[in-house]
Amino acid sequence: MASNQQTGPGIGALAKDTASGRIGVVMGAVGGRVQIRPTGGGREWDAVPDKVRPLSALEELSAPLATRNGNSRERL
């Protein structure tokens, strides 16, 4: 199966880093990594592009609530 690097979420999109389970906003890509910032703000982290995917509809609806409630893993 061919890999297409253009299939991942674009800048500004909500995304999930499946390697860490964290959800955030895609800020850009540098050096073969995707930079993602937690939805509630904070320090960006680097993710492997193959491990970054768009959120499902359910994840997208629940992400703001999880951030407000402090239940999100992104606050690690």
N, C-alpha and C. Protein backbone atom coordinates (compact mmCIF):
# COMPACT_ATOMS: atom_id res chain seq x y z
N MET A 1 0.85 -1.17 0.00
CA MET A 1 0.00 0.00 0.00
C MET A 1 0.89 1.23 0.00
N ALA A 2 0.63 2.18 -0.89
CA ALA A 2 1.43 3.38 -1.00
C ALA A 2 1.08 4.37 0.10
N SER A 3 2.08 5.09 0.58
CA SER A 3 1.88 6.09 1.63
C SER A 3 1.75 7.46 0.98
N ASN A 4 0.74 8.20 1.38
CA ASN A 4 0.53 9.55 0.86
C ASN A 4 0.57 10.53 2.02
N GLN A 5 1.62 11.32 2.11
CA GLN A 5 1.81 12.23 3.22
C GLN A 5 0.77 13.35 3.24
N GLN A 6 0.04 13.57 2.15
CA GLN A 6 -0.94 14.65 2.07
C GLN A 6 -2.30 14.27 2.64
N THR A 7 -2.47 13.08 3.18
CA THR A 7 -3.77 12.64 3.67
C THR A 7 -4.02 13.03 5.12
N GLY A 8 -3.03 13.51 5.82
CA GLY A 8 -3.19 13.88 7.22
C GLY A 8 -3.95 15.19 7.37
N PRO A 9 -4.33 15.50 8.60
CA PRO A 9 -5.04 16.76 8.86
C PRO A 9 -4.18 17.97 8.52
N GLY A 10 -4.80 19.02 8.01
CA GLY A 10 -4.08 20.23 7.64
C GLY A 10 -3.87 21.16 8.83
N ILE A 11 -3.12 22.22 8.60
CA ILE A 11 -2.85 23.21 9.64
C ILE A 11 -4.17 23.80 10.13
N GLY A 12 -4.31 23.87 11.45
CA GLY A 12 -5.52 24.40 12.06
C GLY A 12 -6.57 23.36 12.36
N ALA A 13 -6.37 22.14 11.86
CA ALA A 13 -7.35 21.08 12.08
C ALA A 13 -7.11 20.38 13.41
N LEU A 14 -8.18 19.90 14.01
CA LEU A 14 -8.04 19.06 15.20
C LEU A 14 -7.55 17.69 14.74
N ALA A 15 -6.65 17.11 15.52
CA ALA A 15 -6.06 15.83 15.15
C ALA A 15 -5.74 15.02 16.40
N LYS A 16 -5.60 13.73 16.21
CA LYS A 16 -5.21 12.83 17.29
C LYS A 16 -3.86 12.22 16.97
N ASP A 17 -2.96 12.31 17.92
CA ASP A 17 -1.66 11.63 17.84
C ASP A 17 -1.90 10.24 18.42
N THR A 18 -2.02 9.25 17.56
CA THR A 18 -2.38 7.91 18.03
C THR A 18 -1.27 7.26 18.84
N ALA A 19 -0.04 7.73 18.69
CA ALA A 19 1.07 7.17 19.47
C ALA A 19 0.93 7.53 20.94
N SER A 20 0.44 8.74 21.22
CA SER A 20 0.32 9.19 22.62
C SER A 20 -1.12 9.24 23.10
N GLY A 21 -2.07 9.21 22.17
CA GLY A 21 -3.48 9.32 22.52
C GLY A 21 -3.93 10.75 22.74
N ARG A 22 -3.04 11.71 22.50
CA ARG A 22 -3.35 13.13 22.74
C ARG A 22 -4.07 13.75 21.55
N ILE A 23 -4.91 14.74 21.85
CA ILE A 23 -5.65 15.48 20.84
C ILE A 23 -5.19 16.92 20.88
N GLY A 24 -5.04 17.53 19.68
CA GLY A 24 -4.63 18.91 19.62
C GLY A 24 -4.89 19.50 18.25
N VAL A 25 -4.37 20.71 18.05
CA VAL A 25 -4.51 21.44 16.81
C VAL A 25 -3.19 21.36 16.04
N VAL A 26 -3.26 21.00 14.78
CA VAL A 26 -2.06 20.92 13.94
C VAL A 26 -1.56 22.34 13.69
N MET A 27 -0.30 22.58 14.05
CA MET A 27 0.30 23.91 13.91
C MET A 27 1.24 24.00 12.71
N GLY A 28 1.75 22.87 12.25
CA GLY A 28 2.68 22.87 11.12
C GLY A 28 3.46 21.59 11.07
N ALA A 29 4.46 21.57 10.20
CA ALA A 29 5.33 20.41 10.06
C ALA A 29 6.75 20.89 9.82
N VAL A 30 7.69 20.31 10.57
CA VAL A 30 9.11 20.67 10.44
C VAL A 30 9.93 19.41 10.62
N GLY A 31 10.91 19.21 9.75
CA GLY A 31 11.83 18.10 9.90
C GLY A 31 11.18 16.74 9.89
N GLY A 32 10.14 16.57 9.11
CA GLY A 32 9.48 15.27 9.03
C GLY A 32 8.56 14.96 10.19
N ARG A 33 8.29 15.93 11.03
CA ARG A 33 7.38 15.76 12.17
C ARG A 33 6.24 16.75 12.07
N VAL A 34 5.12 16.41 12.68
CA VAL A 34 3.97 17.30 12.74
C VAL A 34 3.95 17.94 14.13
N GLN A 35 3.80 19.26 14.18
CA GLN A 35 3.71 19.95 15.46
C GLN A 35 2.23 20.11 15.81
N ILE A 36 1.89 19.68 17.03
CA ILE A 36 0.51 19.72 17.50
C ILE A 36 0.49 20.46 18.84
N ARG A 37 -0.49 21.35 19.00
CA ARG A 37 -0.64 22.11 20.25
C ARG A 37 -1.91 21.63 20.95
N PRO A 38 -1.88 21.43 22.26
CA PRO A 38 -3.07 21.03 22.98
C PRO A 38 -4.22 22.01 22.73
N THR A 39 -5.44 21.52 22.70
CA THR A 39 -6.60 22.37 22.40
C THR A 39 -6.78 23.46 23.44
N GLY A 40 -6.37 23.24 24.66
CA GLY A 40 -6.50 24.24 25.71
C GLY A 40 -5.32 25.19 25.78
N GLY A 41 -4.40 25.08 24.82
CA GLY A 41 -3.18 25.89 24.82
C GLY A 41 -2.05 25.14 25.49
N GLY A 42 -0.88 25.66 25.36
CA GLY A 42 0.28 25.02 25.97
C GLY A 42 1.35 24.72 24.96
N ARG A 43 2.30 23.94 25.38
CA ARG A 43 3.47 23.62 24.57
C ARG A 43 3.14 22.61 23.49
N GLU A 44 3.62 22.89 22.29
CA GLU A 44 3.44 21.96 21.17
C GLU A 44 4.29 20.72 21.39
N TRP A 45 3.87 19.63 20.77
CA TRP A 45 4.69 18.43 20.76
C TRP A 45 4.85 17.96 19.33
N ASP A 46 5.89 17.19 19.09
CA ASP A 46 6.16 16.63 17.77
C ASP A 46 5.53 15.25 17.67
N ALA A 47 4.93 14.98 16.52
CA ALA A 47 4.33 13.68 16.28
C ALA A 47 4.79 13.13 14.94
N VAL A 48 4.85 11.82 14.84
CA VAL A 48 5.19 11.14 13.59
C VAL A 48 3.98 11.25 12.67
N PRO A 49 4.15 11.75 11.44
CA PRO A 49 3.01 11.95 10.55
C PRO A 49 2.11 10.73 10.37
N ASP A 50 2.70 9.54 10.31
CA ASP A 50 1.89 8.32 10.13
C ASP A 50 1.01 8.02 11.34
N LYS A 51 1.27 8.67 12.46
CA LYS A 51 0.51 8.43 13.70
C LYS A 51 -0.49 9.56 13.98
N VAL A 52 -0.62 10.51 13.05
CA VAL A 52 -1.55 11.63 13.23
C VAL A 52 -2.74 11.42 12.29
N ARG A 53 -3.94 11.51 12.86
CA ARG A 53 -5.14 11.33 12.05
C ARG A 53 -6.20 12.36 12.45
N PRO A 54 -7.12 12.63 11.52
CA PRO A 54 -8.22 13.54 11.87
C PRO A 54 -9.08 12.92 12.96
N LEU A 55 -9.78 13.75 13.70
CA LEU A 55 -10.68 13.25 14.73
C LEU A 55 -11.94 12.67 14.09
N SER A 56 -12.50 11.68 14.74
CA SER A 56 -13.82 11.19 14.34
C SER A 56 -14.83 12.25 14.75
N ALA A 57 -16.04 12.14 14.24
CA ALA A 57 -17.09 13.12 14.59
C ALA A 57 -17.33 13.13 16.09
N LEU A 58 -17.35 11.97 16.73
CA LEU A 58 -17.57 11.89 18.17
C LEU A 58 -16.42 12.53 18.94
N GLU A 59 -15.18 12.26 18.54
CA GLU A 59 -14.02 12.86 19.20
C GLU A 59 -14.04 14.38 19.05
N GLU A 60 -14.43 14.86 17.87
CA GLU A 60 -14.46 16.30 17.64
C GLU A 60 -15.50 16.98 18.52
N LEU A 61 -16.63 16.33 18.73
CA LEU A 61 -17.67 16.89 19.60
C LEU A 61 -17.26 16.86 21.06
N SER A 62 -16.55 15.82 21.48
CA SER A 62 -16.22 15.67 22.90
C SER A 62 -14.92 16.35 23.31
N ALA A 63 -14.06 16.73 22.37
CA ALA A 63 -12.77 17.34 22.71
C ALA A 63 -12.90 18.63 23.52
N PRO A 64 -13.76 19.59 23.13
CA PRO A 64 -13.87 20.81 23.94
C PRO A 64 -14.40 20.53 25.34
N LEU A 65 -15.32 19.61 25.48
CA LEU A 65 -15.87 19.27 26.78
C LEU A 65 -14.79 18.64 27.67
N ALA A 66 -14.01 17.74 27.10
CA ALA A 66 -12.94 17.09 27.86
C ALA A 66 -11.92 18.12 28.34
N THR A 67 -11.60 19.11 27.49
CA THR A 67 -10.65 20.15 27.87
C THR A 67 -11.21 20.98 29.02
N ARG A 68 -12.48 21.39 28.91
CA ARG A 68 -13.09 22.20 29.98
C ARG A 68 -13.17 21.43 31.29
N ASN A 69 -13.43 20.14 31.21
CA ASN A 69 -13.57 19.33 32.41
C ASN A 69 -12.25 18.88 32.99
N GLY A 70 -11.16 19.09 32.26
CA GLY A 70 -9.86 18.65 32.74
C GLY A 70 -9.67 17.16 32.65
N ASN A 71 -10.49 16.50 31.84
CA ASN A 71 -10.41 15.05 31.70
C ASN A 71 -9.58 14.61 30.52
N SER A 72 -9.03 15.55 29.79
CA SER A 72 -8.31 15.21 28.58
C SER A 72 -6.89 14.76 28.90
N ARG A 73 -6.41 13.75 28.17
CA ARG A 73 -5.04 13.29 28.35
C ARG A 73 -4.03 14.33 27.91
N GLU A 74 -4.46 15.31 27.12
CA GLU A 74 -3.52 16.31 26.61
C GLU A 74 -2.95 17.17 27.71
N ARG A 75 -3.45 17.10 28.92
CA ARG A 75 -2.93 17.93 30.02
C ARG A 75 -1.80 17.23 30.78
N LEU A 76 -1.30 16.15 30.24
CA LEU A 76 -0.22 15.41 30.90
C LEU A 76 1.03 16.26 31.00
